[in-house]
Amino acid sequence: MKKKIKLKKGSFEYAFYQKADPAVKHFLAAYLGDKLLNLEPEAYAEIDKIIQESFYYFACNMPDTLHIHRTIKDADEWDKALDNFKITNIHIAWPDTEHWFDRDFGTSDDEDSFLEDAHDFDLTETERQAKKIVEAADNLIDYAQNFGLFMRAGYQALNPVARKYMEENAIFDLSILSEEGFNALQNQIDMLIEILLENLLSIIQDE
């Protein structure tokens, strides 16, 4: 039996989850519309489980990243910097990352429209086989497009939420974080969001 995951109250990942959970569900409601209302009752519990597990597994190491990649290593100097730290319109330069779902998923006409529009009885055996291949390829393309559009929309909705949470709760740590640390932290955020979205979509598609 799979071990039940439970976020520990007071932990970084629990607080992050509490902040992000409403945003995840708001995105699902806005993107899926009535489809979200028509899921089986068990699916809603599974959605809650997936969200909690995502933060349990992928947010827990973020504080370590902030600590390991701080530019002030000396403990006394760190304490002094924290004592003198003032929040005054600090600009956080988050890195831009590339994702497979950033590409254009627009559809276009192709040379196979004759086969797609033709009736089977108007085609030769070879053309009928070719039509089946074209239809199978179109189905794969449609799936990739729908998957990519869902991932892109979800990432655009949730990445700002994650960044805002970090800025509201770890602004000093961000202010002394190295460039390498920012890249590592953004990669962790990306992994959390992408795996969360992939798992959520798998539940929704199974319904």
N, C-alpha and C. Protein backbone atom coordinates (compact mmCIF):
# COMPACT_ATOMS: atom_id res chain seq x y z
N MET A 1 0.84 -1.20 0.00
CA MET A 1 0.00 0.00 0.00
C MET A 1 0.87 1.25 0.00
N LYS A 2 0.51 2.21 -0.86
CA LYS A 2 1.29 3.44 -0.95
C LYS A 2 1.13 4.27 0.30
N LYS A 3 2.26 4.79 0.81
CA LYS A 3 2.24 5.60 2.01
C LYS A 3 1.47 6.89 1.78
N LYS A 4 0.59 7.22 2.70
CA LYS A 4 -0.19 8.45 2.59
C LYS A 4 0.68 9.64 2.94
N ILE A 5 0.67 10.62 2.05
CA ILE A 5 1.48 11.82 2.25
C ILE A 5 0.70 12.85 3.06
N LYS A 6 1.35 13.42 4.05
CA LYS A 6 0.72 14.45 4.85
C LYS A 6 1.71 15.58 5.07
N LEU A 7 1.34 16.78 4.61
CA LEU A 7 2.20 17.94 4.81
C LEU A 7 2.23 18.32 6.29
N LYS A 8 3.40 18.65 6.76
CA LYS A 8 3.57 19.01 8.17
C LYS A 8 3.25 20.49 8.37
N LYS A 9 2.28 20.77 9.23
CA LYS A 9 1.94 22.16 9.51
C LYS A 9 3.15 22.90 10.08
N GLY A 10 3.33 24.12 9.59
CA GLY A 10 4.48 24.91 10.03
C GLY A 10 5.68 24.78 9.13
N SER A 11 5.64 23.80 8.23
CA SER A 11 6.77 23.61 7.32
C SER A 11 6.67 24.59 6.16
N PHE A 12 7.79 24.79 5.47
CA PHE A 12 7.82 25.67 4.30
C PHE A 12 6.86 25.17 3.22
N GLU A 13 6.91 23.88 2.96
CA GLU A 13 6.09 23.33 1.88
C GLU A 13 4.59 23.39 2.22
N TYR A 14 4.25 23.28 3.50
CA TYR A 14 2.84 23.38 3.89
C TYR A 14 2.33 24.81 3.67
N ALA A 15 3.13 25.80 4.08
CA ALA A 15 2.71 27.19 3.89
C ALA A 15 2.62 27.54 2.41
N PHE A 16 3.55 27.03 1.62
CA PHE A 16 3.54 27.24 0.18
C PHE A 16 2.29 26.61 -0.44
N TYR A 17 2.00 25.40 -0.02
CA TYR A 17 0.80 24.70 -0.50
C TYR A 17 -0.47 25.48 -0.17
N GLN A 18 -0.56 25.99 1.06
CA GLN A 18 -1.74 26.75 1.49
C GLN A 18 -1.96 27.98 0.60
N LYS A 19 -0.87 28.61 0.19
CA LYS A 19 -0.95 29.79 -0.66
C LYS A 19 -1.33 29.42 -2.09
N ALA A 20 -0.79 28.32 -2.59
CA ALA A 20 -0.95 27.98 -4.01
C ALA A 20 -2.20 27.16 -4.31
N ASP A 21 -2.69 26.40 -3.34
CA ASP A 21 -3.84 25.51 -3.58
C ASP A 21 -5.04 26.23 -4.20
N PRO A 22 -5.46 27.39 -3.66
CA PRO A 22 -6.60 28.09 -4.29
C PRO A 22 -6.30 28.51 -5.72
N ALA A 23 -5.05 28.89 -6.00
CA ALA A 23 -4.68 29.32 -7.35
C ALA A 23 -4.73 28.16 -8.33
N VAL A 24 -4.32 26.98 -7.89
CA VAL A 24 -4.38 25.79 -8.75
C VAL A 24 -5.83 25.48 -9.10
N LYS A 25 -6.68 25.49 -8.11
CA LYS A 25 -8.09 25.15 -8.33
C LYS A 25 -8.81 26.23 -9.14
N HIS A 26 -8.42 27.47 -8.95
CA HIS A 26 -9.00 28.56 -9.75
C HIS A 26 -8.62 28.37 -11.22
N PHE A 27 -7.36 28.01 -11.47
CA PHE A 27 -6.93 27.76 -12.85
C PHE A 27 -7.72 26.62 -13.47
N LEU A 28 -7.87 25.52 -12.74
CA LEU A 28 -8.62 24.38 -13.27
C LEU A 28 -10.05 24.76 -13.61
N ALA A 29 -10.68 25.53 -12.73
CA ALA A 29 -12.07 25.93 -12.95
C ALA A 29 -12.17 26.85 -14.17
N ALA A 30 -11.22 27.78 -14.30
CA ALA A 30 -11.27 28.72 -15.42
C ALA A 30 -10.95 28.03 -16.75
N TYR A 31 -10.03 27.08 -16.71
CA TYR A 31 -9.59 26.43 -17.96
C TYR A 31 -10.57 25.35 -18.41
N LEU A 32 -11.08 24.58 -17.46
CA LEU A 32 -11.91 23.43 -17.80
C LEU A 32 -13.40 23.73 -17.81
N GLY A 33 -13.82 24.75 -17.10
CA GLY A 33 -15.23 25.12 -17.08
C GLY A 33 -16.11 24.00 -16.53
N ASP A 34 -17.19 23.70 -17.25
CA ASP A 34 -18.16 22.71 -16.77
C ASP A 34 -17.57 21.32 -16.64
N LYS A 35 -16.51 21.03 -17.39
CA LYS A 35 -15.92 19.70 -17.31
C LYS A 35 -15.44 19.39 -15.90
N LEU A 36 -14.96 20.41 -15.21
CA LEU A 36 -14.49 20.20 -13.84
C LEU A 36 -15.65 19.87 -12.91
N LEU A 37 -16.84 20.37 -13.23
CA LEU A 37 -18.01 20.13 -12.38
C LEU A 37 -18.59 18.73 -12.57
N ASN A 38 -18.22 18.09 -13.66
CA ASN A 38 -18.83 16.80 -14.00
C ASN A 38 -17.92 15.60 -13.76
N LEU A 39 -16.88 15.78 -12.97
CA LEU A 39 -16.00 14.67 -12.65
C LEU A 39 -16.65 13.74 -11.63
N GLU A 40 -16.15 12.52 -11.58
CA GLU A 40 -16.60 11.59 -10.55
C GLU A 40 -16.15 12.10 -9.17
N PRO A 41 -16.91 11.82 -8.11
CA PRO A 41 -16.55 12.32 -6.77
C PRO A 41 -15.12 11.95 -6.36
N GLU A 42 -14.68 10.75 -6.74
CA GLU A 42 -13.34 10.31 -6.37
C GLU A 42 -12.25 11.17 -6.99
N ALA A 43 -12.56 11.77 -8.12
CA ALA A 43 -11.57 12.58 -8.83
C ALA A 43 -11.18 13.83 -8.04
N TYR A 44 -12.13 14.40 -7.32
CA TYR A 44 -11.83 15.62 -6.56
C TYR A 44 -10.86 15.31 -5.42
N ALA A 45 -11.04 14.17 -4.79
CA ALA A 45 -10.12 13.76 -3.74
C ALA A 45 -8.73 13.50 -4.32
N GLU A 46 -8.69 12.94 -5.52
CA GLU A 46 -7.41 12.67 -6.18
C GLU A 46 -6.72 13.97 -6.56
N ILE A 47 -7.48 14.96 -6.98
CA ILE A 47 -6.90 16.26 -7.30
C ILE A 47 -6.26 16.87 -6.06
N ASP A 48 -6.96 16.83 -4.93
CA ASP A 48 -6.39 17.34 -3.68
C ASP A 48 -5.11 16.61 -3.31
N LYS A 49 -5.12 15.31 -3.50
CA LYS A 49 -3.96 14.48 -3.18
C LYS A 49 -2.77 14.85 -4.06
N ILE A 50 -3.01 15.04 -5.33
CA ILE A 50 -1.93 15.38 -6.28
C ILE A 50 -1.31 16.73 -5.93
N ILE A 51 -2.15 17.70 -5.59
CA ILE A 51 -1.62 19.02 -5.23
C ILE A 51 -0.75 18.93 -3.99
N GLN A 52 -1.23 18.24 -2.96
CA GLN A 52 -0.46 18.11 -1.73
C GLN A 52 0.85 17.37 -1.96
N GLU A 53 0.80 16.28 -2.73
CA GLU A 53 2.01 15.50 -2.98
C GLU A 53 3.04 16.30 -3.76
N SER A 54 2.58 17.13 -4.68
CA SER A 54 3.51 17.94 -5.47
C SER A 54 4.33 18.87 -4.58
N PHE A 55 3.67 19.50 -3.63
CA PHE A 55 4.39 20.41 -2.73
C PHE A 55 5.22 19.63 -1.71
N TYR A 56 4.74 18.48 -1.31
CA TYR A 56 5.49 17.64 -0.38
C TYR A 56 6.84 17.23 -0.98
N TYR A 57 6.82 16.81 -2.22
CA TYR A 57 8.03 16.28 -2.85
C TYR A 57 8.93 17.36 -3.48
N PHE A 58 8.32 18.43 -4.00
CA PHE A 58 9.11 19.34 -4.82
C PHE A 58 9.33 20.72 -4.24
N ALA A 59 8.70 21.04 -3.11
CA ALA A 59 8.95 22.33 -2.47
C ALA A 59 9.87 22.21 -1.26
N CYS A 60 10.05 21.01 -0.76
CA CYS A 60 10.77 20.83 0.51
C CYS A 60 12.25 21.23 0.43
N ASN A 61 12.85 21.17 -0.76
CA ASN A 61 14.28 21.48 -0.88
C ASN A 61 14.55 22.94 -1.24
N MET A 62 13.51 23.72 -1.42
CA MET A 62 13.73 25.12 -1.79
C MET A 62 14.45 25.92 -0.70
N PRO A 63 14.12 25.74 0.59
CA PRO A 63 14.89 26.45 1.61
C PRO A 63 16.38 26.10 1.59
N ASP A 64 16.70 24.84 1.28
CA ASP A 64 18.11 24.45 1.18
C ASP A 64 18.79 25.18 0.04
N THR A 65 18.08 25.36 -1.06
CA THR A 65 18.64 26.09 -2.20
C THR A 65 18.95 27.53 -1.81
N LEU A 66 18.04 28.16 -1.07
CA LEU A 66 18.27 29.53 -0.61
C LEU A 66 19.49 29.61 0.30
N HIS A 67 19.68 28.59 1.12
CA HIS A 67 20.81 28.59 2.06
C HIS A 67 22.13 28.29 1.35
N ILE A 68 22.14 27.28 0.52
CA ILE A 68 23.38 26.86 -0.13
C ILE A 68 23.93 27.93 -1.06
N HIS A 69 23.04 28.65 -1.73
CA HIS A 69 23.47 29.59 -2.77
C HIS A 69 23.43 31.05 -2.31
N ARG A 70 23.44 31.29 -1.02
CA ARG A 70 23.48 32.67 -0.54
C ARG A 70 24.87 33.25 -0.80
N THR A 71 24.93 34.52 -1.12
CA THR A 71 26.21 35.15 -1.42
C THR A 71 26.96 35.57 -0.16
N ILE A 72 26.29 35.60 0.97
CA ILE A 72 26.95 35.90 2.25
C ILE A 72 27.09 34.60 3.02
N LYS A 73 28.29 34.07 3.08
CA LYS A 73 28.51 32.76 3.71
C LYS A 73 28.81 32.86 5.21
N ASP A 74 29.50 33.92 5.60
CA ASP A 74 29.88 34.07 7.01
C ASP A 74 28.64 34.31 7.86
N ALA A 75 28.50 33.55 8.94
CA ALA A 75 27.31 33.62 9.78
C ALA A 75 27.14 35.00 10.42
N ASP A 76 28.22 35.58 10.89
CA ASP A 76 28.12 36.90 11.53
C ASP A 76 27.74 37.97 10.52
N GLU A 77 28.33 37.89 9.35
CA GLU A 77 28.00 38.85 8.30
C GLU A 77 26.55 38.69 7.85
N TRP A 78 26.09 37.44 7.83
CA TRP A 78 24.70 37.17 7.45
C TRP A 78 23.75 37.78 8.47
N ASP A 79 24.05 37.59 9.76
CA ASP A 79 23.21 38.16 10.82
C ASP A 79 23.19 39.69 10.74
N LYS A 80 24.34 40.28 10.45
CA LYS A 80 24.44 41.74 10.36
C LYS A 80 23.61 42.25 9.17
N ALA A 81 23.72 41.55 8.04
CA ALA A 81 22.96 41.95 6.85
C ALA A 81 21.46 41.84 7.10
N LEU A 82 21.05 40.80 7.81
CA LEU A 82 19.63 40.62 8.12
C LEU A 82 19.13 41.72 9.04
N ASP A 83 19.94 42.08 10.05
CA ASP A 83 19.55 43.13 10.98
C ASP A 83 19.38 44.47 10.28
N ASN A 84 20.20 44.72 9.29
CA ASN A 84 20.19 46.01 8.58
C ASN A 84 19.29 46.00 7.34
N PHE A 85 18.66 44.86 7.09
CA PHE A 85 17.87 44.72 5.85
C PHE A 85 16.57 45.51 5.93
N LYS A 86 16.29 46.25 4.87
CA LYS A 86 15.06 47.01 4.79
C LYS A 86 14.42 46.72 3.42
N ILE A 87 13.13 46.47 3.43
CA ILE A 87 12.41 46.20 2.19
C ILE A 87 12.00 47.54 1.57
N THR A 88 12.73 47.92 0.52
CA THR A 88 12.44 49.20 -0.15
C THR A 88 12.45 48.98 -1.67
N ASN A 89 11.31 48.56 -2.18
CA ASN A 89 11.16 48.38 -3.63
C ASN A 89 12.28 47.52 -4.24
N ILE A 90 12.54 46.41 -3.61
CA ILE A 90 13.58 45.51 -4.12
C ILE A 90 13.07 44.81 -5.39
N HIS A 91 13.88 44.88 -6.43
CA HIS A 91 13.53 44.22 -7.68
C HIS A 91 14.21 42.85 -7.73
N ILE A 92 13.43 41.82 -7.89
CA ILE A 92 13.97 40.47 -7.98
C ILE A 92 14.04 40.07 -9.45
N ALA A 93 15.23 39.80 -9.92
CA ALA A 93 15.45 39.46 -11.33
C ALA A 93 15.34 37.95 -11.53
N TRP A 94 14.12 37.48 -11.66
CA TRP A 94 13.91 36.05 -11.89
C TRP A 94 14.38 35.66 -13.29
N PRO A 95 15.00 34.50 -13.42
CA PRO A 95 15.46 34.07 -14.74
C PRO A 95 14.31 33.57 -15.60
N ASP A 96 14.42 33.79 -16.89
CA ASP A 96 13.45 33.24 -17.84
C ASP A 96 13.91 31.84 -18.23
N THR A 97 13.01 30.89 -18.19
CA THR A 97 13.35 29.52 -18.56
C THR A 97 12.51 29.10 -19.77
N GLU A 98 13.07 28.21 -20.58
CA GLU A 98 12.37 27.73 -21.76
C GLU A 98 11.70 26.39 -21.47
N HIS A 99 10.54 26.18 -22.11
CA HIS A 99 9.79 24.95 -21.91
C HIS A 99 9.29 24.44 -23.26
N TRP A 100 9.09 23.15 -23.34
CA TRP A 100 8.65 22.57 -24.60
C TRP A 100 7.29 23.10 -25.02
N PHE A 101 6.46 23.52 -24.05
CA PHE A 101 5.12 23.97 -24.37
C PHE A 101 5.07 25.45 -24.75
N ASP A 102 6.22 26.12 -24.85
CA ASP A 102 6.26 27.51 -25.28
C ASP A 102 6.11 27.66 -26.79
N ARG A 103 6.29 26.58 -27.52
CA ARG A 103 6.25 26.68 -28.99
C ARG A 103 4.83 26.92 -29.49
N ASP A 104 4.72 27.28 -30.75
CA ASP A 104 3.43 27.56 -31.36
C ASP A 104 2.68 26.27 -31.63
N PHE A 105 1.45 26.18 -31.10
CA PHE A 105 0.62 24.99 -31.32
C PHE A 105 -0.51 25.26 -32.30
N GLY A 106 -0.37 26.31 -33.10
CA GLY A 106 -1.42 26.64 -34.06
C GLY A 106 -1.54 25.57 -35.13
N THR A 107 -2.74 25.41 -35.66
CA THR A 107 -2.98 24.42 -36.71
C THR A 107 -2.87 25.09 -38.07
N SER A 108 -2.57 24.29 -39.08
CA SER A 108 -2.46 24.82 -40.44
C SER A 108 -2.91 23.76 -41.42
N ASP A 109 -3.31 24.19 -42.61
CA ASP A 109 -3.71 23.25 -43.65
C ASP A 109 -2.51 22.47 -44.12
N ASP A 110 -2.73 21.23 -44.56
CA ASP A 110 -1.64 20.42 -45.06
C ASP A 110 -2.05 19.74 -46.36
N GLU A 111 -1.10 19.01 -46.91
CA GLU A 111 -1.32 18.40 -48.21
C GLU A 111 -2.19 17.16 -48.14
N ASP A 112 -2.56 16.72 -46.96
CA ASP A 112 -3.31 15.49 -46.82
C ASP A 112 -4.82 15.74 -46.75
N SER A 113 -5.25 16.99 -46.99
CA SER A 113 -6.67 17.30 -46.85
C SER A 113 -7.53 16.49 -47.81
N PHE A 114 -7.00 16.14 -48.99
CA PHE A 114 -7.76 15.32 -49.95
C PHE A 114 -8.13 13.98 -49.32
N LEU A 115 -7.16 13.32 -48.69
CA LEU A 115 -7.44 12.02 -48.07
C LEU A 115 -8.40 12.17 -46.90
N GLU A 116 -8.25 13.20 -46.12
CA GLU A 116 -9.08 13.38 -44.94
C GLU A 116 -10.54 13.65 -45.32
N ASP A 117 -10.76 14.37 -46.41
CA ASP A 117 -12.11 14.74 -46.81
C ASP A 117 -12.80 13.68 -47.68
N ALA A 118 -12.01 12.76 -48.24
CA ALA A 118 -12.57 11.80 -49.18
C ALA A 118 -13.28 10.66 -48.45
N HIS A 119 -14.32 10.10 -49.11
CA HIS A 119 -14.99 8.90 -48.60
C HIS A 119 -14.15 7.68 -48.94
N ASP A 120 -14.21 6.68 -48.06
CA ASP A 120 -13.40 5.48 -48.29
C ASP A 120 -13.69 4.82 -49.63
N PHE A 121 -14.95 4.83 -50.08
CA PHE A 121 -15.28 4.14 -51.32
C PHE A 121 -14.73 4.86 -52.56
N ASP A 122 -14.27 6.10 -52.36
CA ASP A 122 -13.67 6.83 -53.48
C ASP A 122 -12.16 6.63 -53.55
N LEU A 123 -11.61 5.91 -52.58
CA LEU A 123 -10.15 5.75 -52.50
C LEU A 123 -9.72 4.35 -52.87
N THR A 124 -8.49 4.24 -53.34
CA THR A 124 -7.89 2.93 -53.57
C THR A 124 -7.48 2.36 -52.22
N GLU A 125 -7.13 1.09 -52.19
CA GLU A 125 -6.70 0.45 -50.95
C GLU A 125 -5.49 1.17 -50.37
N THR A 126 -4.56 1.53 -51.24
CA THR A 126 -3.36 2.24 -50.78
C THR A 126 -3.73 3.58 -50.17
N GLU A 127 -4.67 4.28 -50.80
CA GLU A 127 -5.09 5.58 -50.29
C GLU A 127 -5.85 5.44 -48.97
N ARG A 128 -6.64 4.36 -48.84
CA ARG A 128 -7.35 4.13 -47.56
C ARG A 128 -6.36 3.89 -46.43
N GLN A 129 -5.31 3.13 -46.68
CA GLN A 129 -4.28 2.90 -45.67
C GLN A 129 -3.58 4.20 -45.31
N ALA A 130 -3.32 5.01 -46.34
CA ALA A 130 -2.66 6.30 -46.10
C ALA A 130 -3.56 7.21 -45.26
N LYS A 131 -4.88 7.14 -45.53
CA LYS A 131 -5.82 7.96 -44.77
C LYS A 131 -5.81 7.58 -43.29
N LYS A 132 -5.74 6.29 -43.01
CA LYS A 132 -5.68 5.83 -41.62
C LYS A 132 -4.44 6.36 -40.92
N ILE A 133 -3.32 6.35 -41.64
CA ILE A 133 -2.07 6.87 -41.07
C ILE A 133 -2.19 8.36 -40.79
N VAL A 134 -2.80 9.09 -41.73
CA VAL A 134 -2.98 10.53 -41.56
C VAL A 134 -3.88 10.81 -40.36
N GLU A 135 -4.96 10.06 -40.23
CA GLU A 135 -5.89 10.27 -39.10
C GLU A 135 -5.21 9.97 -37.77
N ALA A 136 -4.40 8.90 -37.73
CA ALA A 136 -3.68 8.57 -36.50
C ALA A 136 -2.69 9.68 -36.14
N ALA A 137 -2.01 10.19 -37.17
CA ALA A 137 -1.06 11.27 -36.93
C ALA A 137 -1.78 12.53 -36.43
N ASP A 138 -2.94 12.82 -37.02
CA ASP A 138 -3.72 13.99 -36.59
C ASP A 138 -4.16 13.86 -35.14
N ASN A 139 -4.53 12.65 -34.74
CA ASN A 139 -4.93 12.43 -33.35
C ASN A 139 -3.77 12.69 -32.39
N LEU A 140 -2.58 12.25 -32.78
CA LEU A 140 -1.39 12.50 -31.95
C LEU A 140 -1.09 13.98 -31.87
N ILE A 141 -1.22 14.67 -33.01
CA ILE A 141 -0.96 16.11 -33.04
C ILE A 141 -1.97 16.84 -32.17
N ASP A 142 -3.24 16.45 -32.26
CA ASP A 142 -4.29 17.08 -31.45
C ASP A 142 -4.02 16.89 -29.96
N TYR A 143 -3.59 15.67 -29.59
CA TYR A 143 -3.28 15.41 -28.18
C TYR A 143 -2.12 16.29 -27.72
N ALA A 144 -1.07 16.36 -28.55
CA ALA A 144 0.10 17.17 -28.18
C ALA A 144 -0.28 18.64 -28.05
N GLN A 145 -1.14 19.12 -28.96
CA GLN A 145 -1.58 20.51 -28.90
C GLN A 145 -2.38 20.79 -27.64
N ASN A 146 -3.34 19.92 -27.34
CA ASN A 146 -4.17 20.12 -26.15
C ASN A 146 -3.34 20.03 -24.87
N PHE A 147 -2.41 19.08 -24.84
CA PHE A 147 -1.52 18.92 -23.69
C PHE A 147 -0.65 20.15 -23.53
N GLY A 148 -0.06 20.60 -24.64
CA GLY A 148 0.82 21.76 -24.59
C GLY A 148 0.11 23.04 -24.19
N LEU A 149 -1.09 23.24 -24.71
CA LEU A 149 -1.85 24.44 -24.37
C LEU A 149 -2.26 24.45 -22.91
N PHE A 150 -2.63 23.27 -22.38
CA PHE A 150 -2.97 23.15 -20.96
C PHE A 150 -1.75 23.46 -20.10
N MET A 151 -0.61 22.89 -20.46
CA MET A 151 0.61 23.11 -19.70
C MET A 151 1.02 24.57 -19.73
N ARG A 152 0.94 25.18 -20.90
CA ARG A 152 1.35 26.58 -21.02
C ARG A 152 0.45 27.48 -20.18
N ALA A 153 -0.87 27.28 -20.29
CA ALA A 153 -1.80 28.10 -19.53
C ALA A 153 -1.61 27.91 -18.03
N GLY A 154 -1.41 26.67 -17.62
CA GLY A 154 -1.20 26.39 -16.20
C GLY A 154 0.08 27.00 -15.67
N TYR A 155 1.14 26.91 -16.46
CA TYR A 155 2.41 27.48 -16.04
C TYR A 155 2.31 29.00 -15.93
N GLN A 156 1.67 29.62 -16.90
CA GLN A 156 1.51 31.08 -16.88
C GLN A 156 0.67 31.54 -15.70
N ALA A 157 -0.23 30.69 -15.25
CA ALA A 157 -1.08 31.04 -14.11
C ALA A 157 -0.36 30.82 -12.77
N LEU A 158 0.44 29.76 -12.68
CA LEU A 158 0.99 29.36 -11.38
C LEU A 158 2.41 29.86 -11.12
N ASN A 159 3.20 30.08 -12.15
CA ASN A 159 4.56 30.57 -11.92
C ASN A 159 4.58 31.92 -11.20
N PRO A 160 3.73 32.88 -11.58
CA PRO A 160 3.70 34.14 -10.82
C PRO A 160 3.27 33.95 -9.36
N VAL A 161 2.41 32.99 -9.10
CA VAL A 161 1.97 32.71 -7.73
C VAL A 161 3.16 32.21 -6.90
N ALA A 162 3.94 31.31 -7.50
CA ALA A 162 5.10 30.77 -6.80
C ALA A 162 6.14 31.85 -6.53
N ARG A 163 6.40 32.67 -7.53
CA ARG A 163 7.37 33.75 -7.35
C ARG A 163 6.91 34.75 -6.29
N LYS A 164 5.64 35.08 -6.33
CA LYS A 164 5.11 36.03 -5.35
C LYS A 164 5.22 35.47 -3.94
N TYR A 165 4.95 34.18 -3.79
CA TYR A 165 5.07 33.57 -2.47
C TYR A 165 6.51 33.68 -1.96
N MET A 166 7.48 33.39 -2.84
CA MET A 166 8.88 33.47 -2.43
C MET A 166 9.25 34.91 -2.06
N GLU A 167 8.76 35.87 -2.82
CA GLU A 167 9.09 37.26 -2.54
C GLU A 167 8.45 37.75 -1.25
N GLU A 168 7.28 37.24 -0.94
CA GLU A 168 6.60 37.66 0.28
C GLU A 168 7.15 36.99 1.53
N ASN A 169 7.76 35.82 1.37
CA ASN A 169 8.18 35.04 2.53
C ASN A 169 9.68 34.80 2.64
N ALA A 170 10.42 35.15 1.60
CA ALA A 170 11.88 34.93 1.65
C ALA A 170 12.60 36.06 0.91
N ILE A 171 12.13 37.29 1.07
CA ILE A 171 12.69 38.40 0.31
C ILE A 171 14.16 38.66 0.66
N PHE A 172 14.51 38.52 1.93
CA PHE A 172 15.92 38.71 2.30
C PHE A 172 16.79 37.64 1.65
N ASP A 173 16.34 36.41 1.72
CA ASP A 173 17.11 35.32 1.12
C ASP A 173 17.28 35.54 -0.39
N LEU A 174 16.23 36.03 -1.04
CA LEU A 174 16.31 36.30 -2.47
C LEU A 174 17.27 37.45 -2.76
N SER A 175 17.32 38.41 -1.85
CA SER A 175 18.17 39.59 -2.08
C SER A 175 19.65 39.25 -2.03
N ILE A 176 20.01 38.13 -1.41
CA ILE A 176 21.42 37.74 -1.33
C ILE A 176 21.67 36.41 -2.05
N LEU A 177 20.76 36.04 -2.92
CA LEU A 177 20.88 34.78 -3.65
C LEU A 177 21.73 34.98 -4.90
N SER A 178 22.62 34.03 -5.17
CA SER A 178 23.48 34.11 -6.34
C SER A 178 22.69 33.82 -7.61
N GLU A 179 23.29 34.14 -8.75
CA GLU A 179 22.65 33.85 -10.03
C GLU A 179 22.42 32.35 -10.19
N GLU A 180 23.40 31.57 -9.79
CA GLU A 180 23.26 30.12 -9.83
C GLU A 180 22.09 29.66 -8.95
N GLY A 181 21.95 30.31 -7.80
CA GLY A 181 20.86 29.97 -6.90
C GLY A 181 19.51 30.29 -7.49
N PHE A 182 19.39 31.44 -8.16
CA PHE A 182 18.13 31.79 -8.81
C PHE A 182 17.76 30.78 -9.88
N ASN A 183 18.74 30.36 -10.66
CA ASN A 183 18.48 29.36 -11.70
C ASN A 183 18.01 28.05 -11.08
N ALA A 184 18.68 27.64 -9.98
CA ALA A 184 18.31 26.40 -9.31
C ALA A 184 16.91 26.50 -8.72
N LEU A 185 16.60 27.65 -8.10
CA LEU A 185 15.28 27.83 -7.49
C LEU A 185 14.18 27.85 -8.54
N GLN A 186 14.42 28.54 -9.66
CA GLN A 186 13.41 28.58 -10.71
C GLN A 186 13.21 27.20 -11.32
N ASN A 187 14.29 26.44 -11.46
CA ASN A 187 14.15 25.07 -11.97
C ASN A 187 13.31 24.21 -11.03
N GLN A 188 13.46 24.42 -9.73
CA GLN A 188 12.65 23.67 -8.76
C GLN A 188 11.18 24.08 -8.87
N ILE A 189 10.93 25.36 -9.03
CA ILE A 189 9.55 25.84 -9.20
C ILE A 189 8.96 25.26 -10.48
N ASP A 190 9.75 25.28 -11.55
CA ASP A 190 9.27 24.74 -12.83
C ASP A 190 8.91 23.26 -12.71
N MET A 191 9.78 22.50 -12.05
CA MET A 191 9.53 21.06 -11.90
C MET A 191 8.25 20.82 -11.11
N LEU A 192 8.08 21.57 -10.03
CA LEU A 192 6.88 21.43 -9.22
C LEU A 192 5.63 21.68 -10.06
N ILE A 193 5.62 22.79 -10.79
CA ILE A 193 4.44 23.17 -11.57
C ILE A 193 4.18 22.18 -12.69
N GLU A 194 5.23 21.78 -13.41
CA GLU A 194 5.03 20.92 -14.57
C GLU A 194 4.55 19.53 -14.17
N ILE A 195 5.14 18.96 -13.14
CA ILE A 195 4.70 17.63 -12.70
C ILE A 195 3.30 17.70 -12.10
N LEU A 196 3.01 18.76 -11.37
CA LEU A 196 1.66 18.97 -10.84
C LEU A 196 0.64 19.00 -11.97
N LEU A 197 0.90 19.78 -13.01
CA LEU A 197 -0.03 19.91 -14.12
C LEU A 197 -0.18 18.60 -14.89
N GLU A 198 0.92 17.92 -15.11
CA GLU A 198 0.86 16.64 -15.83
C GLU A 198 -0.01 15.64 -15.08
N ASN A 199 0.17 15.56 -13.78
CA ASN A 199 -0.60 14.60 -12.98
C ASN A 199 -2.08 14.99 -12.91
N LEU A 200 -2.34 16.29 -12.82
CA LEU A 200 -3.73 16.74 -12.81
C LEU A 200 -4.43 16.42 -14.12
N LEU A 201 -3.74 16.64 -15.22
CA LEU A 201 -4.34 16.37 -16.53
C LEU A 201 -4.62 14.89 -16.70
N SER A 202 -3.75 14.04 -16.18
CA SER A 202 -3.97 12.60 -16.31
C SER A 202 -5.24 12.18 -15.59
N ILE A 203 -5.53 12.79 -14.45
CA ILE A 203 -6.77 12.49 -13.71
C ILE A 203 -7.98 12.97 -14.48
N ILE A 204 -7.91 14.17 -15.02
CA ILE A 204 -9.04 14.76 -15.72
C ILE A 204 -9.34 14.00 -17.01
N GLN A 205 -8.31 13.58 -17.71
CA GLN A 205 -8.51 12.85 -18.97
C GLN A 205 -9.07 11.46 -18.75
N ASP A 206 -8.78 10.88 -17.58
CA ASP A 206 -9.28 9.53 -17.30
C ASP A 206 -10.79 9.54 -17.02
N GLU A 207 -11.32 10.72 -16.72
CA GLU A 207 -12.75 10.80 -16.36
C GLU A 207 -13.62 10.78 -17.61
